[in-house]
Amino acid sequence: MRDYVITTDNNSDLPDSYYKEHGIGCTYLSYAMDGVNYTKENFLPEHEFYEKMRNGSMPTTAQVNPEAARKLLEPYLKEGKDILHIAFSSGLSGTYNSTRIAAEELMEEYPERTIIVVDSLGASLGQGLLVHLAQQKKEEGADLETVAEWAEAHKNNMVHLFTVDDLDNLYRGGRISKTTAVLGGMLNIKPVLHVDNEGKLVALGKVRGRKKSILELISLMDQKIGSHRDSCDTIFISHGDCEEDARFLEEKIKEKYQIKTVIINQVGATIGAHSGPGTLALFFVGDEK
């Protein structure tokens, strides 16, 4: 079997230690805040990033360009390895397209090598869950084509459910109107959203109060898990600097399901710039998104 590596981008929100432990390559989207550009070399600690947002700073983000994607991919080709790259949703960013362009150019220069780029149609640890499960199959001995076909076939089984604490960030990102943001803030309305089969952000409903919005994530999990109910042993949870809420969510889910594997990690700056502090997201395998 030809040697290959799985790569992704930092919107998968997996811990850096996970990438290192499993030999997964990662490219990093950048962001700007208060007149300063931040790249992997000088990313702010997540708590500091979200504190700046709480104090009124408004970050902007930039997608991976083909040159940056090439810098990630080419060294593996030079080592004689093929590549399976699992990219941030094309419904939310141009990063997938940039990586695809870089891959096509590189395969012309390295015709003996193969690069397969999968559009995860996911975000945060939903994308990370797809990377995790693909890496598991690789470590079990599956070849590049088998894992790539599995990822394409099952990417829309990665259920993404999340809520946010502050509607202003969704308003600034163009997801809701100013009127909705103002009224929602006054009435303590918390939206519940998901990422759909086109990889886009879609509202599922709204509840009043933070605790109710967290419990609603579990209620929706009960609905969406379907035939995977008895086999669900893995959940991923990401949060925008609200670990206590993430731990509460984990505890409540473990009361209902036989969970063995949990990864809890901060929502990175690229997604957090749009979702804001207090974002809480739940990811698991279900029948459909």
C-alpha atoms as a PDB file:
ATOM      1  CA  MET A   1       0.000   0.000   0.000  1.00  0.00           C
ATOM      2  CA  ARG A   2       1.294   3.456  -0.900  1.00  0.00           C
ATOM      3  CA  ASP A   3       2.229   5.624   2.074  1.00  0.00           C
ATOM      4  CA  TYR A   4      -0.045   8.600   2.626  1.00  0.00           C
ATOM      5  CA  VAL A   5      -0.847  11.293   5.165  1.00  0.00           C
ATOM      6  CA  ILE A   6      -4.076  13.018   6.182  1.00  0.00           C
ATOM      7  CA  THR A   7      -3.995  16.814   6.317  1.00  0.00           C
ATOM      8  CA  THR A   8      -6.546  19.489   7.213  1.00  0.00           C
ATOM      9  CA  ASP A   9      -6.801  23.136   8.293  1.00  0.00           C
ATOM     10  CA  ASN A  10      -7.145  24.676  11.725  1.00  0.00           C
ATOM     11  CA  ASN A  11     -10.890  25.210  11.351  1.00  0.00           C
ATOM     12  CA  SER A  12     -11.160  21.570  12.405  1.00  0.00           C
ATOM     13  CA  ASP A  13     -10.410  22.914  15.925  1.00  0.00           C
ATOM     14  CA  LEU A  14      -8.580  19.771  17.020  1.00  0.00           C
ATOM     15  CA  PRO A  15      -5.907  20.323  19.680  1.00  0.00           C
ATOM     16  CA  ASP A  16      -2.392  20.831  18.324  1.00  0.00           C
ATOM     17  CA  SER A  17      -1.366  17.813  20.410  1.00  0.00           C
ATOM     18  CA  TYR A  18      -3.786  15.676  18.380  1.00  0.00           C
ATOM     19  CA  TYR A  19      -2.163  16.671  15.080  1.00  0.00           C
ATOM     20  CA  LYS A  20       1.283  15.860  16.467  1.00  0.00           C
ATOM     21  CA  GLU A  21       0.271  12.539  18.022  1.00  0.00           C
ATOM     22  CA  HIS A  22      -1.335  11.267  14.815  1.00  0.00           C
ATOM     23  CA  GLY A  23       1.006  12.848  12.273  1.00  0.00           C
ATOM     24  CA  ILE A  24      -1.734  14.977  10.709  1.00  0.00           C
ATOM     25  CA  GLY A  25      -0.632  18.010   8.690  1.00  0.00           C
ATOM     26  CA  CYS A  26      -2.403  21.321   9.209  1.00  0.00           C
ATOM     27  CA  THR A  27      -2.513  24.676   7.471  1.00  0.00           C
ATOM     28  CA  TYR A  28      -3.693  27.779   9.308  1.00  0.00           C
ATOM     29  CA  LEU A  29      -6.087  30.559   8.395  1.00  0.00           C
ATOM     30  CA  SER A  30      -5.103  33.981   9.676  1.00  0.00           C
ATOM     31  CA  TYR A  31      -7.044  36.808  11.283  1.00  0.00           C
ATOM     32  CA  ALA A  32      -6.662  40.502  12.044  1.00  0.00           C
ATOM     33  CA  MET A  33      -7.742  42.407  15.144  1.00  0.00           C
ATOM     34  CA  ASP A  34      -7.151  45.973  16.306  1.00  0.00           C
ATOM     35  CA  GLY A  35      -4.797  46.622  13.395  1.00  0.00           C
ATOM     36  CA  VAL A  36      -2.622  43.568  14.056  1.00  0.00           C
ATOM     37  CA  ASN A  37      -2.371  40.563  11.710  1.00  0.00           C
ATOM     38  CA  TYR A  38      -2.196  37.194  13.434  1.00  0.00           C
ATOM     39  CA  THR A  39      -0.801  34.010  11.923  1.00  0.00           C
ATOM     40  CA  LYS A  40       0.066  30.658  13.486  1.00  0.00           C
ATOM     41  CA  GLU A  41       3.309  32.125  14.827  1.00  0.00           C
ATOM     42  CA  ASN A  42       1.581  34.796  16.916  1.00  0.00           C
ATOM     43  CA  PHE A  43      -2.003  33.601  17.491  1.00  0.00           C
ATOM     44  CA  LEU A  44      -3.452  35.003  20.683  1.00  0.00           C
ATOM     45  CA  PRO A  45      -4.360  32.517  23.427  1.00  0.00           C
ATOM     46  CA  GLU A  46      -8.070  31.793  22.988  1.00  0.00           C
ATOM     47  CA  HIS A  47      -9.092  33.374  26.305  1.00  0.00           C
ATOM     48  CA  GLU A  48      -7.297  36.611  25.384  1.00  0.00           C
ATOM     49  CA  PHE A  49      -8.861  36.560  21.917  1.00  0.00           C
ATOM     50  CA  TYR A  50     -12.385  36.237  23.323  1.00  0.00           C
ATOM     51  CA  GLU A  51     -11.732  38.834  26.036  1.00  0.00           C
ATOM     52  CA  LYS A  52     -10.846  41.309  23.300  1.00  0.00           C
ATOM     53  CA  MET A  53     -14.132  40.477  21.556  1.00  0.00           C
ATOM     54  CA  ARG A  54     -16.027  40.940  24.818  1.00  0.00           C
ATOM     55  CA  ASN A  55     -14.426  44.374  25.084  1.00  0.00           C
ATOM     56  CA  GLY A  56     -15.543  45.397  21.609  1.00  0.00           C
ATOM     57  CA  SER A  57     -12.767  44.297  19.247  1.00  0.00           C
ATOM     58  CA  MET A  58     -14.011  43.009  15.879  1.00  0.00           C
ATOM     59  CA  PRO A  59     -11.683  40.481  14.233  1.00  0.00           C
ATOM     60  CA  THR A  60     -11.659  39.759  10.518  1.00  0.00           C
ATOM     61  CA  THR A  61     -10.454  36.523   8.926  1.00  0.00           C
ATOM     62  CA  ALA A  62      -8.677  35.452   5.760  1.00  0.00           C
ATOM     63  CA  GLN A  63      -8.965  32.125   3.958  1.00  0.00           C
ATOM     64  CA  VAL A  64      -6.041  29.887   3.084  1.00  0.00           C
ATOM     65  CA  ASN A  65      -4.732  30.845  -0.370  1.00  0.00           C
ATOM     66  CA  PRO A  66      -3.283  28.376  -2.895  1.00  0.00           C
ATOM     67  CA  GLU A  67       0.280  29.337  -1.969  1.00  0.00           C
ATOM     68  CA  ALA A  68      -0.282  28.529   1.712  1.00  0.00           C
ATOM     69  CA  ALA A  69      -1.972  25.253   0.784  1.00  0.00           C
ATOM     70  CA  ARG A  70       0.995  24.380  -1.398  1.00  0.00           C
ATOM     71  CA  LYS A  71       3.389  24.984   1.512  1.00  0.00           C
ATOM     72  CA  LEU A  72       1.475  22.412   3.530  1.00  0.00           C
ATOM     73  CA  LEU A  73       1.184  19.778   0.822  1.00  0.00           C
ATOM     74  CA  GLU A  74       4.421  19.838  -1.161  1.00  0.00           C
ATOM     75  CA  PRO A  75       6.810  18.614   1.574  1.00  0.00           C
ATOM     76  CA  TYR A  76       4.809  15.383   1.872  1.00  0.00           C
ATOM     77  CA  LEU A  77       5.042  14.826  -1.881  1.00  0.00           C
ATOM     78  CA  LYS A  78       8.804  15.284  -1.695  1.00  0.00           C
ATOM     79  CA  GLU A  79       8.850  12.571   0.990  1.00  0.00           C
ATOM     80  CA  GLY A  80       7.098  10.223  -1.439  1.00  0.00           C
ATOM     81  CA  LYS A  81       3.729  10.362   0.325  1.00  0.00           C
ATOM     82  CA  ASP A  82       0.258  10.737  -1.127  1.00  0.00           C
ATOM     83  CA  ILE A  83      -2.231  13.030   0.620  1.00  0.00           C
ATOM     84  CA  LEU A  84      -5.853  13.053   1.730  1.00  0.00           C
ATOM     85  CA  HIS A  85      -6.790  16.627   2.642  1.00  0.00           C
ATOM     86  CA  ILE A  86     -10.054  17.276   4.529  1.00  0.00           C
ATOM     87  CA  ALA A  87     -10.971  20.948   4.137  1.00  0.00           C
ATOM     88  CA  PHE A  88     -13.191  23.508   5.857  1.00  0.00           C
ATOM     89  CA  SER A  89     -16.680  23.743   4.346  1.00  0.00           C
ATOM     90  CA  SER A  90     -16.881  25.355   0.902  1.00  0.00           C
ATOM     91  CA  GLY A  91     -20.210  26.780   2.077  1.00  0.00           C
ATOM     92  CA  LEU A  92     -18.392  28.969   4.588  1.00  0.00           C
ATOM     93  CA  SER A  93     -14.986  29.706   3.048  1.00  0.00           C
ATOM     94  CA  GLY A  94     -12.909  29.598  -0.125  1.00  0.00           C
ATOM     95  CA  THR A  95     -10.258  27.524   1.658  1.00  0.00           C
ATOM     96  CA  TYR A  96     -11.400  24.263   0.053  1.00  0.00           C
ATOM     97  CA  ASN A  97     -11.159  25.766  -3.419  1.00  0.00           C
ATOM     98  CA  SER A  98      -7.688  27.194  -2.734  1.00  0.00           C
ATOM     99  CA  THR A  99      -6.482  23.783  -1.601  1.00  0.00           C
ATOM    100  CA  ARG A 100      -8.014  22.095  -4.627  1.00  0.00           C
ATOM    101  CA  ILE A 101      -6.205  24.519  -6.954  1.00  0.00           C
ATOM    102  CA  ALA A 102      -2.897  23.891  -5.172  1.00  0.00           C
ATOM    103  CA  ALA A 103      -3.443  20.128  -5.353  1.00  0.00           C
ATOM    104  CA  GLU A 104      -4.115  20.212  -9.098  1.00  0.00           C
ATOM    105  CA  GLU A 105      -0.969  22.243  -9.738  1.00  0.00           C
ATOM    106  CA  LEU A 106       1.158  19.971  -7.561  1.00  0.00           C
ATOM    107  CA  MET A 107      -0.071  16.784  -9.205  1.00  0.00           C
ATOM    108  CA  GLU A 108       1.085  18.164 -12.549  1.00  0.00           C
ATOM    109  CA  GLU A 109       4.544  18.655 -11.053  1.00  0.00           C
ATOM    110  CA  TYR A 110       4.513  15.316  -9.187  1.00  0.00           C
ATOM    111  CA  PRO A 111       2.594  13.032 -11.573  1.00  0.00           C
ATOM    112  CA  GLU A 112       3.576   9.930  -9.600  1.00  0.00           C
ATOM    113  CA  ARG A 113       1.785  11.237  -6.487  1.00  0.00           C
ATOM    114  CA  THR A 114      -1.931  11.455  -5.607  1.00  0.00           C
ATOM    115  CA  ILE A 115      -3.705  14.219  -3.686  1.00  0.00           C
ATOM    116  CA  ILE A 116      -7.397  13.868  -2.868  1.00  0.00           C
ATOM    117  CA  VAL A 117      -9.141  16.938  -1.437  1.00  0.00           C
ATOM    118  CA  VAL A 118     -12.433  16.345   0.383  1.00  0.00           C
ATOM    119  CA  ASP A 119     -14.817  19.222   1.087  1.00  0.00           C
ATOM    120  CA  SER A 120     -15.895  18.354   4.631  1.00  0.00           C
ATOM    121  CA  LEU A 121     -18.998  20.555   4.366  1.00  0.00           C
ATOM    122  CA  GLY A 122     -18.294  20.965   8.055  1.00  0.00           C
ATOM    123  CA  ALA A 123     -16.729  23.311  10.557  1.00  0.00           C
ATOM    124  CA  SER A 124     -15.009  23.331  13.928  1.00  0.00           C
ATOM    125  CA  LEU A 125     -14.955  19.935  15.619  1.00  0.00           C
ATOM    126  CA  GLY A 126     -17.544  18.658  13.118  1.00  0.00           C
ATOM    127  CA  GLN A 127     -14.787  18.883  10.531  1.00  0.00           C
ATOM    128  CA  GLY A 128     -12.471  17.587  13.249  1.00  0.00           C
ATOM    129  CA  LEU A 129     -14.693  14.566  13.848  1.00  0.00           C
ATOM    130  CA  LEU A 130     -14.485  13.643  10.165  1.00  0.00           C
ATOM    131  CA  VAL A 131     -10.686  13.987  10.327  1.00  0.00           C
ATOM    132  CA  HIS A 132     -10.601  11.850  13.483  1.00  0.00           C
ATOM    133  CA  LEU A 133     -12.688   9.046  12.030  1.00  0.00           C
ATOM    134  CA  ALA A 134     -10.743   9.086   8.749  1.00  0.00           C
ATOM    135  CA  GLN A 135      -7.466   8.913  10.690  1.00  0.00           C
ATOM    136  CA  GLN A 136      -8.826   5.955  12.668  1.00  0.00           C
ATOM    137  CA  LYS A 137      -9.495   4.102   9.428  1.00  0.00           C
ATOM    138  CA  LYS A 138      -6.010   4.953   8.163  1.00  0.00           C
ATOM    139  CA  GLU A 139      -4.446   3.632  11.363  1.00  0.00           C
ATOM    140  CA  GLU A 140      -6.516   0.443  11.002  1.00  0.00           C
ATOM    141  CA  GLY A 141      -4.811  -0.111   7.648  1.00  0.00           C
ATOM    142  CA  ALA A 142      -7.251   1.289   5.080  1.00  0.00           C
ATOM    143  CA  ASP A 143      -5.674   2.702   1.919  1.00  0.00           C
ATOM    144  CA  LEU A 144      -5.985   6.266   0.625  1.00  0.00           C
ATOM    145  CA  GLU A 145      -8.815   5.627  -1.825  1.00  0.00           C
ATOM    146  CA  THR A 146     -10.860   3.648   0.709  1.00  0.00           C
ATOM    147  CA  VAL A 147     -10.619   6.364   3.359  1.00  0.00           C
ATOM    148  CA  ALA A 148     -11.342   9.145   0.850  1.00  0.00           C
ATOM    149  CA  GLU A 149     -14.428   7.303  -0.420  1.00  0.00           C
ATOM    150  CA  TRP A 150     -15.603   6.753   3.158  1.00  0.00           C
ATOM    151  CA  ALA A 151     -15.139  10.450   4.001  1.00  0.00           C
ATOM    152  CA  GLU A 152     -17.118  11.540   0.927  1.00  0.00           C
ATOM    153  CA  ALA A 153     -19.905   9.067   1.681  1.00  0.00           C
ATOM    154  CA  HIS A 154     -20.213   9.896   5.388  1.00  0.00           C
ATOM    155  CA  LYS A 155     -19.332  13.580   5.750  1.00  0.00           C
ATOM    156  CA  ASN A 156     -22.988  14.536   6.060  1.00  0.00           C
ATOM    157  CA  ASN A 157     -23.368  12.125   8.967  1.00  0.00           C
ATOM    158  CA  MET A 158     -21.278  14.535  11.065  1.00  0.00           C
ATOM    159  CA  VAL A 159     -24.027  16.343  12.977  1.00  0.00           C
ATOM    160  CA  HIS A 160     -23.254  19.958  13.952  1.00  0.00           C
ATOM    161  CA  LEU A 161     -25.445  21.569  16.635  1.00  0.00           C
ATOM    162  CA  PHE A 162     -24.612  24.832  18.338  1.00  0.00           C
ATOM    163  CA  THR A 163     -25.893  27.840  20.183  1.00  0.00           C
ATOM    164  CA  VAL A 164     -24.451  31.300  20.747  1.00  0.00           C
ATOM    165  CA  ASP A 165     -24.715  33.620  23.729  1.00  0.00           C
ATOM    166  CA  ASP A 166     -24.607  36.966  21.920  1.00  0.00           C
ATOM    167  CA  LEU A 167     -26.651  37.665  18.793  1.00  0.00           C
ATOM    168  CA  ASP A 168     -24.551  40.708  17.864  1.00  0.00           C
ATOM    169  CA  ASN A 169     -21.821  38.522  16.376  1.00  0.00           C
ATOM    170  CA  LEU A 170     -24.314  36.757  14.103  1.00  0.00           C
ATOM    171  CA  TYR A 171     -25.646  40.162  13.066  1.00  0.00           C
ATOM    172  CA  ARG A 172     -22.155  41.445  12.203  1.00  0.00           C
ATOM    173  CA  GLY A 173     -21.582  38.276  10.186  1.00  0.00           C
ATOM    174  CA  GLY A 174     -24.767  38.914   8.189  1.00  0.00           C
ATOM    175  CA  ARG A 175     -26.571  35.858   9.606  1.00  0.00           C
ATOM    176  CA  ILE A 176     -29.444  37.783  11.237  1.00  0.00           C
ATOM    177  CA  SER A 177     -30.941  41.277  11.008  1.00  0.00           C
ATOM    178  CA  LYS A 178     -30.172  44.130  13.379  1.00  0.00           C
ATOM    179  CA  THR A 179     -33.786  44.079  14.598  1.00  0.00           C
ATOM    180  CA  THR A 180     -33.569  40.387  15.409  1.00  0.00           C
ATOM    181  CA  ALA A 181     -30.303  40.925  17.269  1.00  0.00           C
ATOM    182  CA  VAL A 182     -31.695  43.804  19.351  1.00  0.00           C
ATOM    183  CA  LEU A 183     -34.997  42.107  20.195  1.00  0.00           C
ATOM    184  CA  GLY A 184     -33.275  38.815  20.867  1.00  0.00           C
ATOM    185  CA  GLY A 185     -30.895  40.487  23.288  1.00  0.00           C
ATOM    186  CA  MET A 186     -33.749  42.198  25.121  1.00  0.00           C
ATOM    187  CA  LEU A 187     -35.738  38.963  25.431  1.00  0.00           C
ATOM    188  CA  ASN A 188     -32.701  36.753  26.259  1.00  0.00           C
ATOM    189  CA  ILE A 189     -33.337  34.715  23.094  1.00  0.00           C
ATOM    190  CA  LYS A 190     -30.681  32.128  22.251  1.00  0.00           C
ATOM    191  CA  PRO A 191     -30.690  30.699  18.722  1.00  0.00           C
ATOM    192  CA  VAL A 192     -29.921  27.053  18.023  1.00  0.00           C
ATOM    193  CA  LEU A 193     -28.233  26.436  14.670  1.00  0.00           C
ATOM    194  CA  HIS A 194     -26.602  23.717  12.621  1.00  0.00           C
ATOM    195  CA  VAL A 195     -24.486  23.269   9.503  1.00  0.00           C
ATOM    196  CA  ASP A 196     -26.599  21.791   6.698  1.00  0.00           C
ATOM    197  CA  ASN A 197     -25.787  19.373   3.880  1.00  0.00           C
ATOM    198  CA  GLU A 198     -24.452  22.254   1.765  1.00  0.00           C
ATOM    199  CA  GLY A 199     -22.044  23.200   4.540  1.00  0.00           C
ATOM    200  CA  LYS A 200     -23.921  26.398   5.381  1.00  0.00           C
ATOM    201  CA  LEU A 201     -25.057  27.840   8.664  1.00  0.00           C
ATOM    202  CA  VAL A 202     -28.820  27.420   9.212  1.00  0.00           C
ATOM    203  CA  ALA A 203     -31.076  28.252  12.168  1.00  0.00           C
ATOM    204  CA  LEU A 204     -33.017  25.358  13.687  1.00  0.00           C
ATOM    205  CA  GLY A 205     -34.925  27.276  16.336  1.00  0.00           C
ATOM    206  CA  LYS A 206     -34.627  29.519  19.361  1.00  0.00           C
ATOM    207  CA  VAL A 207     -35.219  29.276  23.079  1.00  0.00           C
ATOM    208  CA  ARG A 208     -35.194  31.734  25.958  1.00  0.00           C
ATOM    209  CA  GLY A 209     -32.242  31.463  28.297  1.00  0.00           C
ATOM    210  CA  ARG A 210     -28.775  29.967  28.223  1.00  0.00           C
ATOM    211  CA  LYS A 211     -29.480  26.761  30.139  1.00  0.00           C
ATOM    212  CA  LYS A 212     -32.477  25.953  27.955  1.00  0.00           C
ATOM    213  CA  SER A 213     -30.371  26.453  24.827  1.00  0.00           C
ATOM    214  CA  ILE A 214     -27.784  23.970  26.110  1.00  0.00           C
ATOM    215  CA  LEU A 215     -30.452  21.393  26.957  1.00  0.00           C
ATOM    216  CA  GLU A 216     -31.957  21.946  23.503  1.00  0.00           C
ATOM    217  CA  LEU A 217     -28.702  20.708  21.968  1.00  0.00           C
ATOM    218  CA  ILE A 218     -29.229  17.403  23.769  1.00  0.00           C
ATOM    219  CA  SER A 219     -32.878  17.235  22.701  1.00  0.00           C
ATOM    220  CA  LEU A 220     -31.834  17.724  19.074  1.00  0.00           C
ATOM    221  CA  MET A 221     -29.145  15.081  19.474  1.00  0.00           C
ATOM    222  CA  ASP A 222     -31.864  12.631  20.537  1.00  0.00           C
ATOM    223  CA  GLN A 223     -33.726  13.443  17.315  1.00  0.00           C
ATOM    224  CA  LYS A 224     -30.786  13.410  14.905  1.00  0.00           C
ATOM    225  CA  ILE A 225     -28.764  10.455  16.146  1.00  0.00           C
ATOM    226  CA  GLY A 226     -31.225   7.965  14.611  1.00  0.00           C
ATOM    227  CA  SER A 227     -29.828   4.514  13.920  1.00  0.00           C
ATOM    228  CA  HIS A 228     -26.506   5.457  15.544  1.00  0.00           C
ATOM    229  CA  ARG A 229     -28.067   5.680  19.021  1.00  0.00           C
ATOM    230  CA  ASP A 230     -26.695   2.375  20.287  1.00  0.00           C
ATOM    231  CA  SER A 231     -23.290   2.771  18.646  1.00  0.00           C
ATOM    232  CA  CYS A 232     -22.647   6.412  19.599  1.00  0.00           C
ATOM    233  CA  ASP A 233     -19.577   6.377  21.829  1.00  0.00           C
ATOM    234  CA  THR A 234     -17.845   9.577  20.660  1.00  0.00           C
ATOM    235  CA  ILE A 235     -18.805  13.232  21.021  1.00  0.00           C
ATOM    236  CA  PHE A 236     -16.792  16.358  20.327  1.00  0.00           C
ATOM    237  CA  ILE A 237     -17.629  19.692  21.977  1.00  0.00           C
ATOM    238  CA  SER A 238     -16.160  23.079  21.081  1.00  0.00           C
ATOM    239  CA  HIS A 239     -16.725  26.322  22.930  1.00  0.00           C
ATOM    240  CA  GLY A 240     -15.976  30.018  22.752  1.00  0.00           C
ATOM    241  CA  ASP A 241     -14.241  30.454  26.108  1.00  0.00           C
ATOM    242  CA  CYS A 242     -17.057  28.860  28.144  1.00  0.00           C
ATOM    243  CA  GLU A 243     -15.569  25.579  29.316  1.00  0.00           C
ATOM    244  CA  GLU A 244     -17.944  25.283  32.276  1.00  0.00           C
ATOM    245  CA  ASP A 245     -20.894  25.132  29.885  1.00  0.00           C
ATOM    246  CA  ALA A 246     -19.034  22.572  27.747  1.00  0.00           C
ATOM    247  CA  ARG A 247     -18.463  20.359  30.793  1.00  0.00           C
ATOM    248  CA  PHE A 248     -22.130  20.674  31.786  1.00  0.00           C
ATOM    249  CA  LEU A 249     -23.140  19.574  28.272  1.00  0.00           C
ATOM    250  CA  GLU A 250     -20.731  16.634  28.428  1.00  0.00           C
ATOM    251  CA  GLU A 251     -22.111  15.531  31.810  1.00  0.00           C
ATOM    252  CA  LYS A 252     -25.725  15.636  30.638  1.00  0.00           C
ATOM    253  CA  ILE A 253     -24.978  13.651  27.486  1.00  0.00           C
ATOM    254  CA  LYS A 254     -23.085  10.997  29.447  1.00  0.00           C
ATOM    255  CA  GLU A 255     -26.194  10.538  31.572  1.00  0.00           C
ATOM    256  CA  LYS A 256     -28.031   9.350  28.442  1.00  0.00           C
ATOM    257  CA  TYR A 257     -25.393   7.743  26.211  1.00  0.00           C
ATOM    258  CA  GLN A 258     -22.478   5.343  26.699  1.00  0.00           C
ATOM    259  CA  ILE A 259     -19.797   7.809  25.680  1.00  0.00           C
ATOM    260  CA  LYS A 260     -16.187   6.621  25.686  1.00  0.00           C
ATOM    261  CA  THR A 261     -14.368   9.326  23.707  1.00  0.00           C
ATOM    262  CA  VAL A 262     -14.788  13.058  24.262  1.00  0.00           C
ATOM    263  CA  ILE A 263     -12.703  15.904  22.867  1.00  0.00           C
ATOM    264  CA  ILE A 264     -13.461  19.351  24.263  1.00  0.00           C
ATOM    265  CA  ASN A 265     -11.581  22.267  22.752  1.00  0.00           C
ATOM    266  CA  GLN A 266     -11.914  25.985  22.171  1.00  0.00           C
ATOM    267  CA  VAL A 267     -13.489  27.293  18.968  1.00  0.00           C
ATOM    268  CA  GLY A 268     -10.534  28.777  17.091  1.00  0.00           C
ATOM    269  CA  ALA A 269     -10.313  32.419  16.101  1.00  0.00           C
ATOM    270  CA  THR A 270     -11.336  31.924  12.466  1.00  0.00           C
ATOM    271  CA  ILE A 271     -14.776  30.612  13.403  1.00  0.00           C
ATOM    272  CA  GLY A 272     -14.934  32.381  16.753  1.00  0.00           C
ATOM    273  CA  ALA A 273     -14.587  35.739  14.985  1.00  0.00           C
ATOM    274  CA  HIS A 274     -18.094  35.145  13.615  1.00  0.00           C
ATOM    275  CA  SER A 275     -19.735  33.136  16.410  1.00  0.00           C
ATOM    276  CA  GLY A 276     -18.258  35.033  19.358  1.00  0.00           C
ATOM    277  CA  PRO A 277     -17.666  34.331  23.031  1.00  0.00           C
ATOM    278  CA  GLY A 278     -20.122  31.911  24.590  1.00  0.00           C
ATOM    279  CA  THR A 279     -20.496  29.747  21.493  1.00  0.00           C
ATOM    280  CA  LEU A 280     -21.192  26.130  22.445  1.00  0.00           C
ATOM    281  CA  ALA A 281     -21.195  23.379  19.806  1.00  0.00           C
ATOM    282  CA  LEU A 282     -21.882  19.644  19.875  1.00  0.00           C
ATOM    283  CA  PHE A 283     -20.769  17.116  17.240  1.00  0.00           C
ATOM    284  CA  PHE A 284     -21.544  13.425  16.822  1.00  0.00           C
ATOM    285  CA  VAL A 285     -22.367  10.845  14.141  1.00  0.00           C
ATOM    286  CA  GLY A 286     -26.060  10.653  13.185  1.00  0.00           C
ATOM    287  CA  ASP A 287     -28.256   9.615  10.311  1.00  0.00           C
ATOM    288  CA  GLU A 288     -28.151  13.083   8.779  1.00  0.00           C
ATOM    289  CA  LYS A 289     -27.059  16.593   9.624  1.00  0.00           C
END
